[in-house]
Amino acid sequence: MTRTARAYTNIALIKYWGKKDKQLKLPYTNSLSLTLDRFYTDTKATIIDADKDIVYLNKQLLDETKNKRIINYLQTIRDFYGFSDHFQIDSINHVPTSAGFASSASGFAALAAAINETKQLGLTRQELSILARNGSGSASRSIYGGFVEWQAGFDNASSFAVPIDENPQIDLSLLSVVINKHSKKVSSTVGMENSVKTSPFYPNWVTLVSSEIKEIKQAIAKKDLQKIGEISEHNAMSMHALTLSANPSFTYFAPQTIKIMQLIQELRQKGIFAYATIDAGPNVKIICTKESITKVQEYIEQQLSDVTCVVANIGPGIQYI
């Protein structure tokens, strides 16, 4: 059976920053995310009579240098499940670089789901989350919709995501403000390693995440929008404090990142709901309500003429089309 699997991007509200096992992509802490509906990856896996895999991304054949990560991942799947088939992978990425979202989460979640269907592996969603994590840590969370927690675990079998509320009846939307579309000078992997090894505050980060995971889950259950926003913003700023306190110090912020944070504070002073979360990059995601998002977007665009704003809402988990 060959079906196309669709997986959506997610944004971590409680961040994952630091791997205790690079090969298995096991994090030091749990994390909690929100799956979004705006951007997604569609992937089909077809068994072929060949001695190597073929990968098409956006209908373009990837050469060996560009598809190495995917090829290695496919070999990992073969090793896991003891088959020798090779595949043609056809993946369409509806996550433009201009959107400010990483495509690895939706990409590897969709690929894992496509292989599961084609090979009829019969994986549960928990097993699918484990498989996706082996491609990209954050992909473990894109198996599910809504609010999702990735449990750090201690080995391959115990590190997976679980749904917190897949269809939350809550008035949250996300405004992504893209100020820089270029590659990061410090990759997330390198940034994590530097922070873990050299920031004197990393042990405090581990403790903080444990506490804020509990707090935000309570806020989600109570539909406490303000608390969700406050915890998310504080967690993001705490993560970036690790980069500033690393040795040597580094930051993903650009001058406009700081400016947007100032604008968000001004909006809150005006009584408009807006809270920031920022991943390993300069672009800012603003947690809004459906009522506030238009006002927030207009205010940001009035103050900063050279940014791109993208609206997203709560999205679903894996789908087959």
C-alpha atoms as a PDB file:
ATOM      1  CA  MET A   1       0.000   0.000   0.000  1.00  0.00           C
ATOM      2  CA  THR A   2       1.257   3.461  -0.882  1.00  0.00           C
ATOM      3  CA  ARG A   3      -0.428   6.509   0.585  1.00  0.00           C
ATOM      4  CA  THR A   4       0.736  10.055   1.033  1.00  0.00           C
ATOM      5  CA  ALA A   5       1.275  11.056   4.651  1.00  0.00           C
ATOM      6  CA  ARG A   6       0.812  14.654   5.768  1.00  0.00           C
ATOM      7  CA  ALA A   7       2.421  16.107   8.890  1.00  0.00           C
ATOM      8  CA  TYR A   8       2.250  19.649  10.205  1.00  0.00           C
ATOM      9  CA  THR A   9       4.843  21.919  11.802  1.00  0.00           C
ATOM     10  CA  ASN A  10       4.830  22.613  15.527  1.00  0.00           C
ATOM     11  CA  ILE A  11       6.099  25.373  17.776  1.00  0.00           C
ATOM     12  CA  ALA A  12       7.621  24.509  21.151  1.00  0.00           C
ATOM     13  CA  LEU A  13       6.135  26.560  23.986  1.00  0.00           C
ATOM     14  CA  ILE A  14       8.400  24.803  26.478  1.00  0.00           C
ATOM     15  CA  LYS A  15      11.674  24.409  24.604  1.00  0.00           C
ATOM     16  CA  TYR A  16      13.991  21.470  24.085  1.00  0.00           C
ATOM     17  CA  TRP A  17      17.585  22.697  24.280  1.00  0.00           C
ATOM     18  CA  GLY A  18      20.304  20.122  24.726  1.00  0.00           C
ATOM     19  CA  LYS A  19      20.781  16.453  23.783  1.00  0.00           C
ATOM     20  CA  LYS A  20      22.033  13.862  26.264  1.00  0.00           C
ATOM     21  CA  ASP A  21      22.358  11.352  23.402  1.00  0.00           C
ATOM     22  CA  LYS A  22      23.124  12.818  19.968  1.00  0.00           C
ATOM     23  CA  GLN A  23      22.694   9.573  18.033  1.00  0.00           C
ATOM     24  CA  LEU A  24      19.236   8.781  19.458  1.00  0.00           C
ATOM     25  CA  LYS A  25      18.342  12.484  19.764  1.00  0.00           C
ATOM     26  CA  LEU A  26      17.396  12.115  23.415  1.00  0.00           C
ATOM     27  CA  PRO A  27      16.866  15.488  25.120  1.00  0.00           C
ATOM     28  CA  TYR A  28      17.837  16.419  28.663  1.00  0.00           C
ATOM     29  CA  THR A  29      14.312  17.661  29.365  1.00  0.00           C
ATOM     30  CA  ASN A  30      10.731  17.180  28.314  1.00  0.00           C
ATOM     31  CA  SER A  31       9.231  19.794  25.985  1.00  0.00           C
ATOM     32  CA  LEU A  32       5.715  20.909  25.078  1.00  0.00           C
ATOM     33  CA  SER A  33       4.516  22.167  21.714  1.00  0.00           C
ATOM     34  CA  LEU A  34       1.515  23.331  19.737  1.00  0.00           C
ATOM     35  CA  THR A  35       0.923  21.809  16.303  1.00  0.00           C
ATOM     36  CA  LEU A  36       0.021  24.436  13.695  1.00  0.00           C
ATOM     37  CA  ASP A  37      -2.267  24.220  10.665  1.00  0.00           C
ATOM     38  CA  ARG A  38      -0.579  26.579   8.228  1.00  0.00           C
ATOM     39  CA  PHE A  39       2.465  24.629   7.058  1.00  0.00           C
ATOM     40  CA  TYR A  40       2.932  20.948   6.363  1.00  0.00           C
ATOM     41  CA  THR A  41       4.845  18.293   4.430  1.00  0.00           C
ATOM     42  CA  ASP A  42       3.277  15.666   2.131  1.00  0.00           C
ATOM     43  CA  THR A  43       5.387  12.538   1.607  1.00  0.00           C
ATOM     44  CA  LYS A  44       4.903   9.324  -0.344  1.00  0.00           C
ATOM     45  CA  ALA A  45       7.229   6.299  -0.089  1.00  0.00           C
ATOM     46  CA  THR A  46       7.256   3.735  -2.913  1.00  0.00           C
ATOM     47  CA  ILE A  47       9.220   0.480  -2.794  1.00  0.00           C
ATOM     48  CA  ILE A  48      11.564   0.249  -5.793  1.00  0.00           C
ATOM     49  CA  ASP A  49      13.686  -2.522  -7.298  1.00  0.00           C
ATOM     50  CA  ALA A  50      17.042  -0.823  -6.753  1.00  0.00           C
ATOM     51  CA  ASP A  51      20.063  -0.973  -4.497  1.00  0.00           C
ATOM     52  CA  LYS A  52      19.756   2.604  -3.283  1.00  0.00           C
ATOM     53  CA  ASP A  53      17.064   5.087  -2.322  1.00  0.00           C
ATOM     54  CA  ILE A  54      15.903   7.941  -4.538  1.00  0.00           C
ATOM     55  CA  VAL A  55      14.666  11.150  -2.955  1.00  0.00           C
ATOM     56  CA  TYR A  56      12.628  13.892  -4.609  1.00  0.00           C
ATOM     57  CA  LEU A  57      11.930  17.097  -2.697  1.00  0.00           C
ATOM     58  CA  ASN A  58       9.484  19.493  -4.299  1.00  0.00           C
ATOM     59  CA  LYS A  59       9.799  17.400  -7.509  1.00  0.00           C
ATOM     60  CA  GLN A  60      13.570  17.964  -7.629  1.00  0.00           C
ATOM     61  CA  LEU A  61      15.894  14.957  -7.408  1.00  0.00           C
ATOM     62  CA  LEU A  62      18.255  15.464  -4.486  1.00  0.00           C
ATOM     63  CA  ASP A  63      21.902  14.642  -5.047  1.00  0.00           C
ATOM     64  CA  GLU A  64      23.863  12.565  -2.549  1.00  0.00           C
ATOM     65  CA  THR A  65      25.158  15.566  -0.622  1.00  0.00           C
ATOM     66  CA  LYS A  66      21.693  17.029  -0.086  1.00  0.00           C
ATOM     67  CA  ASN A  67      19.853  13.811   0.762  1.00  0.00           C
ATOM     68  CA  LYS A  68      22.469  12.251   3.060  1.00  0.00           C
ATOM     69  CA  ARG A  69      20.431  12.871   6.222  1.00  0.00           C
ATOM     70  CA  ILE A  70      17.350  11.260   4.666  1.00  0.00           C
ATOM     71  CA  ILE A  71      19.300   8.294   3.258  1.00  0.00           C
ATOM     72  CA  ASN A  72      20.883   7.668   6.666  1.00  0.00           C
ATOM     73  CA  TYR A  73      17.443   7.832   8.245  1.00  0.00           C
ATOM     74  CA  LEU A  74      16.003   5.306   5.796  1.00  0.00           C
ATOM     75  CA  GLN A  75      18.859   2.949   6.644  1.00  0.00           C
ATOM     76  CA  THR A  76      18.059   3.408  10.330  1.00  0.00           C
ATOM     77  CA  ILE A  77      14.473   2.326   9.618  1.00  0.00           C
ATOM     78  CA  ARG A  78      15.711  -0.737   7.695  1.00  0.00           C
ATOM     79  CA  ASP A  79      17.950  -1.647  10.619  1.00  0.00           C
ATOM     80  CA  PHE A  80      15.109  -1.189  13.116  1.00  0.00           C
ATOM     81  CA  TYR A  81      12.605  -3.389  11.301  1.00  0.00           C
ATOM     82  CA  GLY A  82      14.856  -5.861   9.519  1.00  0.00           C
ATOM     83  CA  PHE A  83      13.924  -5.353   5.884  1.00  0.00           C
ATOM     84  CA  SER A  84      16.110  -4.519   2.894  1.00  0.00           C
ATOM     85  CA  ASP A  85      13.692  -2.670   0.575  1.00  0.00           C
ATOM     86  CA  HIS A  86      14.747   0.626  -0.941  1.00  0.00           C
ATOM     87  CA  PHE A  87      12.386   3.503  -1.629  1.00  0.00           C
ATOM     88  CA  GLN A  88      11.568   6.365  -3.884  1.00  0.00           C
ATOM     89  CA  ILE A  89      10.603   9.234  -1.628  1.00  0.00           C
ATOM     90  CA  ASP A  90       8.423  11.975  -3.088  1.00  0.00           C
ATOM     91  CA  SER A  91       8.097  14.840  -0.640  1.00  0.00           C
ATOM     92  CA  ILE A  92       6.382  18.177  -1.150  1.00  0.00           C
ATOM     93  CA  ASN A  93       7.307  20.715   1.473  1.00  0.00           C
ATOM     94  CA  HIS A  94       4.645  23.347   2.137  1.00  0.00           C
ATOM     95  CA  VAL A  95       6.904  25.090   4.651  1.00  0.00           C
ATOM     96  CA  PRO A  96       8.556  27.960   2.771  1.00  0.00           C
ATOM     97  CA  THR A  97      11.778  29.298   4.246  1.00  0.00           C
ATOM     98  CA  SER A  98      10.111  32.699   4.341  1.00  0.00           C
ATOM     99  CA  ALA A  99       7.622  31.426   6.924  1.00  0.00           C
ATOM    100  CA  GLY A 100      10.144  31.220   9.750  1.00  0.00           C
ATOM    101  CA  PHE A 101       9.346  27.616  10.657  1.00  0.00           C
ATOM    102  CA  ALA A 102      11.752  24.685  10.509  1.00  0.00           C
ATOM    103  CA  SER A 103      10.569  21.965   8.144  1.00  0.00           C
ATOM    104  CA  SER A 104      12.419  19.055   9.780  1.00  0.00           C
ATOM    105  CA  ALA A 105       9.570  18.361  12.229  1.00  0.00           C
ATOM    106  CA  SER A 106       6.876  17.987   9.585  1.00  0.00           C
ATOM    107  CA  GLY A 107       9.334  16.442   7.118  1.00  0.00           C
ATOM    108  CA  PHE A 108      10.516  13.528   9.237  1.00  0.00           C
ATOM    109  CA  ALA A 109       7.096  12.946  10.813  1.00  0.00           C
ATOM    110  CA  ALA A 110       5.571  12.629   7.333  1.00  0.00           C
ATOM    111  CA  LEU A 111       8.419  10.376   6.158  1.00  0.00           C
ATOM    112  CA  ALA A 112       8.058   8.050   9.151  1.00  0.00           C
ATOM    113  CA  ALA A 113       4.307   7.818   8.590  1.00  0.00           C
ATOM    114  CA  ALA A 114       4.743   7.179   4.859  1.00  0.00           C
ATOM    115  CA  ILE A 115       7.175   4.292   5.466  1.00  0.00           C
ATOM    116  CA  ASN A 116       4.814   2.869   8.092  1.00  0.00           C
ATOM    117  CA  GLU A 117       2.001   2.800   5.534  1.00  0.00           C
ATOM    118  CA  THR A 118       4.035   1.490   2.612  1.00  0.00           C
ATOM    119  CA  LYS A 119       5.644  -1.323   4.596  1.00  0.00           C
ATOM    120  CA  GLN A 120       2.478  -1.971   6.624  1.00  0.00           C
ATOM    121  CA  LEU A 121       4.494  -1.914   9.834  1.00  0.00           C
ATOM    122  CA  GLY A 122       1.359  -1.375  11.896  1.00  0.00           C
ATOM    123  CA  LEU A 123       3.023   1.079  14.251  1.00  0.00           C
ATOM    124  CA  THR A 124       1.058   2.714  17.034  1.00  0.00           C
ATOM    125  CA  ARG A 125       1.262   6.504  17.215  1.00  0.00           C
ATOM    126  CA  GLN A 126       3.677   6.156  20.132  1.00  0.00           C
ATOM    127  CA  GLU A 127       5.933   3.914  18.031  1.00  0.00           C
ATOM    128  CA  LEU A 128       5.562   6.329  15.125  1.00  0.00           C
ATOM    129  CA  SER A 129       6.661   9.176  17.401  1.00  0.00           C
ATOM    130  CA  ILE A 130       9.784   7.197  18.344  1.00  0.00           C
ATOM    131  CA  LEU A 131      10.540   6.544  14.687  1.00  0.00           C
ATOM    132  CA  ALA A 132      10.053  10.210  13.754  1.00  0.00           C
ATOM    133  CA  ARG A 133      12.310  11.303  16.634  1.00  0.00           C
ATOM    134  CA  ASN A 134      15.181   9.332  15.115  1.00  0.00           C
ATOM    135  CA  GLY A 135      14.996  11.672  12.123  1.00  0.00           C
ATOM    136  CA  SER A 136      14.444  14.927  14.012  1.00  0.00           C
ATOM    137  CA  GLY A 137      13.730  15.392  17.691  1.00  0.00           C
ATOM    138  CA  SER A 138      10.886  17.854  17.168  1.00  0.00           C
ATOM    139  CA  ALA A 139       9.306  15.491  14.605  1.00  0.00           C
ATOM    140  CA  SER A 140       8.249  13.278  17.496  1.00  0.00           C
ATOM    141  CA  ARG A 141       5.709  15.977  18.426  1.00  0.00           C
ATOM    142  CA  SER A 142       4.269  16.445  14.908  1.00  0.00           C
ATOM    143  CA  ILE A 143       2.647  12.998  15.053  1.00  0.00           C
ATOM    144  CA  TYR A 144      -0.108  14.571  17.151  1.00  0.00           C
ATOM    145  CA  GLY A 145      -2.287  17.647  16.861  1.00  0.00           C
ATOM    146  CA  GLY A 146      -2.893  20.414  19.383  1.00  0.00           C
ATOM    147  CA  PHE A 147      -0.828  20.490  22.570  1.00  0.00           C
ATOM    148  CA  VAL A 148       1.816  17.764  22.709  1.00  0.00           C
ATOM    149  CA  GLU A 149       4.471  16.794  25.270  1.00  0.00           C
ATOM    150  CA  TRP A 150       7.711  15.086  24.264  1.00  0.00           C
ATOM    151  CA  GLN A 151       8.870  12.921  27.137  1.00  0.00           C
ATOM    152  CA  ALA A 152      12.669  12.899  27.274  1.00  0.00           C
ATOM    153  CA  GLY A 153      13.030   9.258  28.278  1.00  0.00           C
ATOM    154  CA  PHE A 154      16.333   7.462  28.788  1.00  0.00           C
ATOM    155  CA  ASP A 155      16.617   5.195  25.737  1.00  0.00           C
ATOM    156  CA  ASN A 156      15.126   4.731  22.275  1.00  0.00           C
ATOM    157  CA  ALA A 157      11.964   3.035  23.542  1.00  0.00           C
ATOM    158  CA  SER A 158      11.133   5.563  26.257  1.00  0.00           C
ATOM    159  CA  SER A 159      11.593   8.870  24.405  1.00  0.00           C
ATOM    160  CA  PHE A 160       8.380   9.780  22.588  1.00  0.00           C
ATOM    161  CA  ALA A 161       5.643  12.393  22.422  1.00  0.00           C
ATOM    162  CA  VAL A 162       2.184  12.094  23.959  1.00  0.00           C
ATOM    163  CA  PRO A 163      -0.910  14.191  23.264  1.00  0.00           C
ATOM    164  CA  ILE A 164      -2.029  16.615  25.968  1.00  0.00           C
ATOM    165  CA  ASP A 165      -5.097  17.975  24.154  1.00  0.00           C
ATOM    166  CA  GLU A 166      -5.348  17.278  20.422  1.00  0.00           C
ATOM    167  CA  ASN A 167      -8.457  19.373  19.849  1.00  0.00           C
ATOM    168  CA  PRO A 168      -8.211  22.171  22.382  1.00  0.00           C
ATOM    169  CA  GLN A 169     -11.222  24.444  22.521  1.00  0.00           C
ATOM    170  CA  ILE A 170      -9.064  27.437  23.231  1.00  0.00           C
ATOM    171  CA  ASP A 171      -8.737  30.835  21.584  1.00  0.00           C
ATOM    172  CA  LEU A 172      -5.090  30.801  20.544  1.00  0.00           C
ATOM    173  CA  SER A 173      -3.494  31.809  17.252  1.00  0.00           C
ATOM    174  CA  LEU A 174       0.120  32.379  16.309  1.00  0.00           C
ATOM    175  CA  LEU A 175       1.685  35.246  14.376  1.00  0.00           C
ATOM    176  CA  SER A 176       5.128  34.455  12.965  1.00  0.00           C
ATOM    177  CA  VAL A 177       7.203  37.576  12.362  1.00  0.00           C
ATOM    178  CA  VAL A 178      10.041  36.770   9.974  1.00  0.00           C
ATOM    179  CA  ILE A 179      12.909  39.245   9.988  1.00  0.00           C
ATOM    180  CA  ASN A 180      15.724  37.062   8.614  1.00  0.00           C
ATOM    181  CA  LYS A 181      15.549  34.252   6.065  1.00  0.00           C
ATOM    182  CA  HIS A 182      19.274  33.445   6.055  1.00  0.00           C
ATOM    183  CA  SER A 183      21.008  30.431   7.568  1.00  0.00           C
ATOM    184  CA  LYS A 184      22.026  30.684  11.205  1.00  0.00           C
ATOM    185  CA  LYS A 185      25.689  31.375  11.960  1.00  0.00           C
ATOM    186  CA  VAL A 186      25.480  28.944  14.873  1.00  0.00           C
ATOM    187  CA  SER A 187      23.458  25.802  14.147  1.00  0.00           C
ATOM    188  CA  SER A 188      20.986  24.555  16.746  1.00  0.00           C
ATOM    189  CA  THR A 189      23.097  21.443  17.304  1.00  0.00           C
ATOM    190  CA  VAL A 190      26.261  23.436  17.964  1.00  0.00           C
ATOM    191  CA  GLY A 191      24.366  25.992  20.031  1.00  0.00           C
ATOM    192  CA  MET A 192      22.899  23.280  22.236  1.00  0.00           C
ATOM    193  CA  GLU A 193      26.293  21.640  22.779  1.00  0.00           C
ATOM    194  CA  ASN A 194      27.928  24.941  23.709  1.00  0.00           C
ATOM    195  CA  SER A 195      25.118  25.832  26.113  1.00  0.00           C
ATOM    196  CA  VAL A 196      25.137  22.435  27.832  1.00  0.00           C
ATOM    197  CA  LYS A 197      28.924  22.384  28.234  1.00  0.00           C
ATOM    198  CA  THR A 198      29.646  25.980  29.203  1.00  0.00           C
ATOM    199  CA  SER A 199      26.590  27.834  30.533  1.00  0.00           C
ATOM    200  CA  PRO A 200      26.708  27.904  34.350  1.00  0.00           C
ATOM    201  CA  PHE A 201      22.912  28.107  34.302  1.00  0.00           C
ATOM    202  CA  TYR A 202      22.219  24.884  32.398  1.00  0.00           C
ATOM    203  CA  PRO A 203      21.394  22.853  35.542  1.00  0.00           C
ATOM    204  CA  ASN A 204      18.905  25.580  36.482  1.00  0.00           C
ATOM    205  CA  TRP A 205      17.365  25.289  32.991  1.00  0.00           C
ATOM    206  CA  VAL A 206      16.669  21.590  33.537  1.00  0.00           C
ATOM    207  CA  THR A 207      14.939  22.374  36.832  1.00  0.00           C
ATOM    208  CA  LEU A 208      13.008  25.280  35.305  1.00  0.00           C
ATOM    209  CA  VAL A 209      11.656  23.201  32.410  1.00  0.00           C
ATOM    210  CA  SER A 210      10.404  20.523  34.789  1.00  0.00           C
ATOM    211  CA  SER A 211       8.508  23.156  36.753  1.00  0.00           C
ATOM    212  CA  GLU A 212       7.142  25.076  33.758  1.00  0.00           C
ATOM    213  CA  ILE A 213       5.928  21.897  32.003  1.00  0.00           C
ATOM    214  CA  LYS A 214       3.689  21.212  35.012  1.00  0.00           C
ATOM    215  CA  GLU A 215       2.513  24.814  35.158  1.00  0.00           C
ATOM    216  CA  ILE A 216       1.641  25.122  31.485  1.00  0.00           C
ATOM    217  CA  LYS A 217      -0.241  21.789  31.470  1.00  0.00           C
ATOM    218  CA  GLN A 218      -2.363  23.106  34.334  1.00  0.00           C
ATOM    219  CA  ALA A 219      -2.928  26.345  32.418  1.00  0.00           C
ATOM    220  CA  ILE A 220      -3.959  24.391  29.290  1.00  0.00           C
ATOM    221  CA  ALA A 221      -6.441  22.339  31.320  1.00  0.00           C
ATOM    222  CA  LYS A 222      -7.910  25.544  32.772  1.00  0.00           C
ATOM    223  CA  LYS A 223      -7.789  27.333  29.367  1.00  0.00           C
ATOM    224  CA  ASP A 224      -5.850  30.103  31.097  1.00  0.00           C
ATOM    225  CA  LEU A 225      -4.580  32.021  28.050  1.00  0.00           C
ATOM    226  CA  GLN A 226      -2.614  34.595  30.003  1.00  0.00           C
ATOM    227  CA  LYS A 227      -0.764  31.940  31.985  1.00  0.00           C
ATOM    228  CA  ILE A 228       0.041  29.996  28.805  1.00  0.00           C
ATOM    229  CA  GLY A 229       1.452  33.172  27.264  1.00  0.00           C
ATOM    230  CA  GLU A 230       3.447  34.165  30.339  1.00  0.00           C
ATOM    231  CA  ILE A 231       5.037  30.735  30.795  1.00  0.00           C
ATOM    232  CA  SER A 232       5.842  30.382  27.085  1.00  0.00           C
ATOM    233  CA  GLU A 233       7.543  33.774  26.921  1.00  0.00           C
ATOM    234  CA  HIS A 234       9.523  33.210  30.105  1.00  0.00           C
ATOM    235  CA  ASN A 235      10.684  29.786  28.916  1.00  0.00           C
ATOM    236  CA  ALA A 236      11.870  31.188  25.578  1.00  0.00           C
ATOM    237  CA  MET A 237      13.789  34.019  27.240  1.00  0.00           C
ATOM    238  CA  SER A 238      15.351  31.538  29.669  1.00  0.00           C
ATOM    239  CA  MET A 239      16.518  29.362  26.774  1.00  0.00           C
ATOM    240  CA  HIS A 240      18.168  32.323  25.080  1.00  0.00           C
ATOM    241  CA  ALA A 241      19.804  33.276  28.385  1.00  0.00           C
ATOM    242  CA  LEU A 242      21.742  30.009  28.036  1.00  0.00           C
ATOM    243  CA  THR A 243      23.278  31.184  24.762  1.00  0.00           C
ATOM    244  CA  LEU A 244      24.231  34.534  26.247  1.00  0.00           C
ATOM    245  CA  SER A 245      25.822  32.850  29.261  1.00  0.00           C
ATOM    246  CA  ALA A 246      27.734  30.246  27.222  1.00  0.00           C
ATOM    247  CA  ASN A 247      31.496  30.587  26.781  1.00  0.00           C
ATOM    248  CA  PRO A 248      32.063  32.012  24.257  1.00  0.00           C
ATOM    249  CA  SER A 249      28.780  33.883  24.425  1.00  0.00           C
ATOM    250  CA  PHE A 250      26.510  33.928  21.381  1.00  0.00           C
ATOM    251  CA  THR A 251      22.983  34.945  20.509  1.00  0.00           C
ATOM    252  CA  TYR A 252      20.399  34.212  17.834  1.00  0.00           C
ATOM    253  CA  PHE A 253      18.781  37.618  18.335  1.00  0.00           C
ATOM    254  CA  ALA A 254      19.008  40.362  15.732  1.00  0.00           C
ATOM    255  CA  PRO A 255      18.363  44.044  16.524  1.00  0.00           C
ATOM    256  CA  GLN A 256      14.831  43.651  15.158  1.00  0.00           C
ATOM    257  CA  THR A 257      14.232  40.719  17.510  1.00  0.00           C
ATOM    258  CA  ILE A 258      14.725  43.076  20.454  1.00  0.00           C
ATOM    259  CA  LYS A 259      12.552  45.704  18.783  1.00  0.00           C
ATOM    260  CA  ILE A 260       9.685  43.235  18.345  1.00  0.00           C
ATOM    261  CA  MET A 261       9.957  42.235  21.999  1.00  0.00           C
ATOM    262  CA  GLN A 262       9.622  45.907  22.924  1.00  0.00           C
ATOM    263  CA  LEU A 263       6.584  46.253  20.654  1.00  0.00           C
ATOM    264  CA  ILE A 264       4.962  43.222  22.298  1.00  0.00           C
ATOM    265  CA  GLN A 265       5.412  44.828  25.702  1.00  0.00           C
ATOM    266  CA  GLU A 266       3.851  48.034  24.370  1.00  0.00           C
ATOM    267  CA  LEU A 267       0.903  46.040  23.039  1.00  0.00           C
ATOM    268  CA  ARG A 268       0.334  44.435  26.443  1.00  0.00           C
ATOM    269  CA  GLN A 269       0.438  47.854  28.082  1.00  0.00           C
ATOM    270  CA  LYS A 270      -2.389  48.804  25.708  1.00  0.00           C
ATOM    271  CA  GLY A 271      -4.378  45.782  26.918  1.00  0.00           C
ATOM    272  CA  ILE A 272      -3.798  43.730  23.748  1.00  0.00           C
ATOM    273  CA  PHE A 273      -3.011  40.027  24.245  1.00  0.00           C
ATOM    274  CA  ALA A 274       0.473  39.206  22.882  1.00  0.00           C
ATOM    275  CA  TYR A 275       3.298  37.000  24.154  1.00  0.00           C
ATOM    276  CA  ALA A 276       6.525  36.010  22.429  1.00  0.00           C
ATOM    277  CA  THR A 277       8.267  32.723  21.861  1.00  0.00           C
ATOM    278  CA  ILE A 278      11.550  32.478  19.936  1.00  0.00           C
ATOM    279  CA  ASP A 279      13.357  29.368  18.712  1.00  0.00           C
ATOM    280  CA  ALA A 280      17.041  29.149  17.745  1.00  0.00           C
ATOM    281  CA  GLY A 281      16.918  32.061  15.329  1.00  0.00           C
ATOM    282  CA  PRO A 282      15.989  35.745  15.179  1.00  0.00           C
ATOM    283  CA  ASN A 283      12.360  35.328  14.087  1.00  0.00           C
ATOM    284  CA  VAL A 284       9.649  35.941  16.674  1.00  0.00           C
ATOM    285  CA  LYS A 285       6.424  33.945  17.071  1.00  0.00           C
ATOM    286  CA  ILE A 286       3.691  35.886  18.850  1.00  0.00           C
ATOM    287  CA  ILE A 287       0.991  34.026  20.782  1.00  0.00           C
ATOM    288  CA  CYS A 288      -2.274  35.865  20.227  1.00  0.00           C
ATOM    289  CA  THR A 289      -6.010  35.400  20.479  1.00  0.00           C
ATOM    290  CA  LYS A 290      -8.223  35.516  17.390  1.00  0.00           C
ATOM    291  CA  GLU A 291      -9.374  38.916  18.627  1.00  0.00           C
ATOM    292  CA  SER A 292      -5.899  40.351  19.146  1.00  0.00           C
ATOM    293  CA  ILE A 293      -4.001  38.917  16.186  1.00  0.00           C
ATOM    294  CA  THR A 294      -5.114  41.515  13.616  1.00  0.00           C
ATOM    295  CA  LYS A 295      -4.228  44.372  15.959  1.00  0.00           C
ATOM    296  CA  VAL A 296      -0.858  42.792  16.740  1.00  0.00           C
ATOM    297  CA  GLN A 297      -0.025  42.274  13.072  1.00  0.00           C
ATOM    298  CA  GLU A 298      -1.018  45.822  12.133  1.00  0.00           C
ATOM    299  CA  TYR A 299       1.052  47.289  14.985  1.00  0.00           C
ATOM    300  CA  ILE A 300       4.148  45.247  14.094  1.00  0.00           C
ATOM    301  CA  GLU A 301       3.891  46.082  10.383  1.00  0.00           C
ATOM    302  CA  GLN A 302       3.417  49.784  11.119  1.00  0.00           C
ATOM    303  CA  GLN A 303       6.617  49.866  13.172  1.00  0.00           C
ATOM    304  CA  LEU A 304       8.706  47.510  11.010  1.00  0.00           C
ATOM    305  CA  SER A 305       8.222  47.760   7.266  1.00  0.00           C
ATOM    306  CA  ASP A 306      10.617  45.000   6.226  1.00  0.00           C
ATOM    307  CA  VAL A 307       9.155  41.999   8.095  1.00  0.00           C
ATOM    308  CA  THR A 308       6.906  39.202   6.859  1.00  0.00           C
ATOM    309  CA  CYS A 309       3.963  38.188   9.043  1.00  0.00           C
ATOM    310  CA  VAL A 310       2.295  34.772   8.792  1.00  0.00           C
ATOM    311  CA  VAL A 311      -0.825  33.695  10.730  1.00  0.00           C
ATOM    312  CA  ALA A 312      -1.301  30.099  11.912  1.00  0.00           C
ATOM    313  CA  ASN A 313      -3.914  28.340  14.039  1.00  0.00           C
ATOM    314  CA  ILE A 314      -4.017  25.079  15.971  1.00  0.00           C
ATOM    315  CA  GLY A 315      -3.399  22.128  13.653  1.00  0.00           C
ATOM    316  CA  PRO A 316      -3.993  18.352  13.494  1.00  0.00           C
ATOM    317  CA  GLY A 317      -1.715  15.354  13.755  1.00  0.00           C
ATOM    318  CA  ILE A 318      -0.677  12.915  11.031  1.00  0.00           C
ATOM    319  CA  GLN A 319      -3.136  12.564   8.154  1.00  0.00           C
ATOM    320  CA  TYR A 320      -3.235  10.300   5.095  1.00  0.00           C
ATOM    321  CA  ILE A 321      -4.371  11.712   1.777  1.00  0.00           C
END
